[in-house]
Amino acid sequence: DLTLALSLLRPSRIFGDEQMSGENARLTEENYGSVPRVYIMCEQDNLLNREVQLSMTQRNPPNDVKLIAGADHMPMFSKPQDFCSYLQEIANTYY
């Protein structure tokens, strides 16, 4: 499964297109803000360190934040059972 997943990965930009920056990307109640959001923080993420993840949640506060201890940037591989448990909990809570 890991080999297949790694073969399907494609590079992408961390930051979106210019047209999606500024006013066009403002998260309002009418523009995406009405969707419940939960941020799953990965403790051992080397791409988005803890400070970056906290900053993201402060700039656009989600309904809840979950922490997966020991998870790297891809929790579906590093901590799949914890990740699936949180997804199930989120689905039961918000949907």
Protein backbone atom coordinates (compact mmCIF):
# COMPACT_ATOMS: atom_id res chain seq x y z
CA ASP A 1 0.00 0.00 0.00
CA LEU A 2 2.80 2.40 0.89
CA THR A 3 4.64 1.73 -2.38
CA LEU A 4 1.47 2.35 -4.38
CA ALA A 5 0.67 5.55 -2.47
CA LEU A 6 4.20 6.88 -2.92
CA SER A 7 4.07 6.15 -6.66
CA LEU A 8 0.86 8.23 -6.93
CA LEU A 9 2.21 11.31 -5.16
CA ARG A 10 2.56 14.40 -7.32
CA PRO A 11 4.38 17.62 -6.45
CA SER A 12 2.17 20.59 -5.74
CA ARG A 13 2.64 24.11 -4.55
CA ILE A 14 2.27 24.77 -0.83
CA PHE A 15 0.65 28.12 -1.62
CA GLY A 16 -2.17 28.43 -4.13
CA ASP A 17 -2.58 30.50 -7.25
CA GLU A 18 -2.44 34.27 -7.14
CA GLN A 19 -6.15 34.53 -7.87
CA MET A 20 -6.88 32.58 -4.68
CA SER A 21 -4.91 34.96 -2.48
CA GLY A 22 -6.16 38.05 -0.66
CA GLU A 23 -9.83 38.91 -0.83
CA ASN A 24 -10.75 35.94 -3.03
CA ALA A 25 -9.61 33.51 -0.36
CA ARG A 26 -11.30 35.21 2.59
CA LEU A 27 -13.07 32.63 4.71
CA THR A 28 -16.43 34.05 5.65
CA GLU A 29 -19.63 32.40 6.89
CA GLU A 30 -21.01 32.57 3.32
CA ASN A 31 -17.72 31.59 1.69
CA TYR A 32 -16.79 28.21 3.24
CA GLY A 33 -17.10 29.30 6.87
CA SER A 34 -20.34 27.44 7.46
CA VAL A 35 -18.65 24.05 7.00
CA PRO A 36 -17.54 22.46 10.30
CA ARG A 37 -13.78 22.03 10.32
CA VAL A 38 -11.46 19.98 12.51
CA TYR A 39 -7.69 20.33 12.29
CA ILE A 40 -5.68 17.19 12.97
CA MET A 41 -2.29 18.27 14.27
CA CYS A 42 0.60 15.88 13.66
CA GLU A 43 3.15 16.00 16.46
CA GLN A 44 6.19 14.91 14.42
CA ASP A 45 5.38 16.79 11.18
CA ASN A 46 8.67 18.00 9.70
CA LEU A 47 7.02 19.93 6.84
CA LEU A 48 4.63 21.99 9.00
CA ASN A 49 6.20 22.29 12.44
CA ARG A 50 4.11 22.83 15.57
CA GLU A 51 4.36 26.63 15.40
CA VAL A 52 3.12 26.70 11.78
CA GLN A 53 0.24 24.36 12.60
CA LEU A 54 -0.76 26.48 15.60
CA SER A 55 -0.56 29.62 13.48
CA MET A 56 -2.86 28.03 10.89
CA THR A 57 -5.45 27.20 13.54
CA GLN A 58 -5.24 30.68 15.04
CA ARG A 59 -5.69 32.46 11.68
CA ASN A 60 -8.64 30.27 10.69
CA PRO A 61 -10.02 28.71 13.87
CA PRO A 62 -11.55 25.27 13.34
CA ASN A 63 -14.37 23.84 15.42
CA ASP A 64 -11.89 21.49 17.08
CA VAL A 65 -8.21 20.52 17.05
CA LYS A 66 -7.04 16.94 17.48
CA LEU A 67 -3.43 15.91 18.13
CA ILE A 68 -1.96 12.64 16.96
CA ALA A 69 1.11 11.97 19.09
CA GLY A 70 4.03 10.60 17.10
CA ALA A 71 2.38 11.20 13.71
CA ASP A 72 4.40 12.67 10.87
CA HIS A 73 3.09 14.72 7.92
CA MET A 74 1.19 11.69 6.59
CA PRO A 75 -0.73 10.25 9.56
CA MET A 76 -2.53 7.78 7.31
CA PHE A 77 0.83 5.96 7.08
CA SER A 78 2.54 6.78 10.37
CA LYS A 79 -0.48 6.39 12.71
CA PRO A 80 -3.32 4.92 10.63
CA GLN A 81 -5.39 3.59 13.54
CA ASP A 82 -5.26 6.89 15.44
CA PHE A 83 -6.04 8.81 12.26
CA CYS A 84 -9.04 6.60 11.41
CA SER A 85 -10.31 6.84 15.00
CA TYR A 86 -10.27 10.63 14.79
CA LEU A 87 -11.98 10.61 11.40
CA GLN A 88 -14.73 8.39 12.81
CA GLU A 89 -15.08 10.62 15.88
CA ILE A 90 -15.28 13.73 13.69
CA ALA A 91 -17.89 12.11 11.44
CA ASN A 92 -19.99 11.11 14.44
CA THR A 93 -19.72 14.57 15.99
CA TYR A 94 -20.32 16.84 13.01
CA TYR A 95 -22.23 14.73 10.50
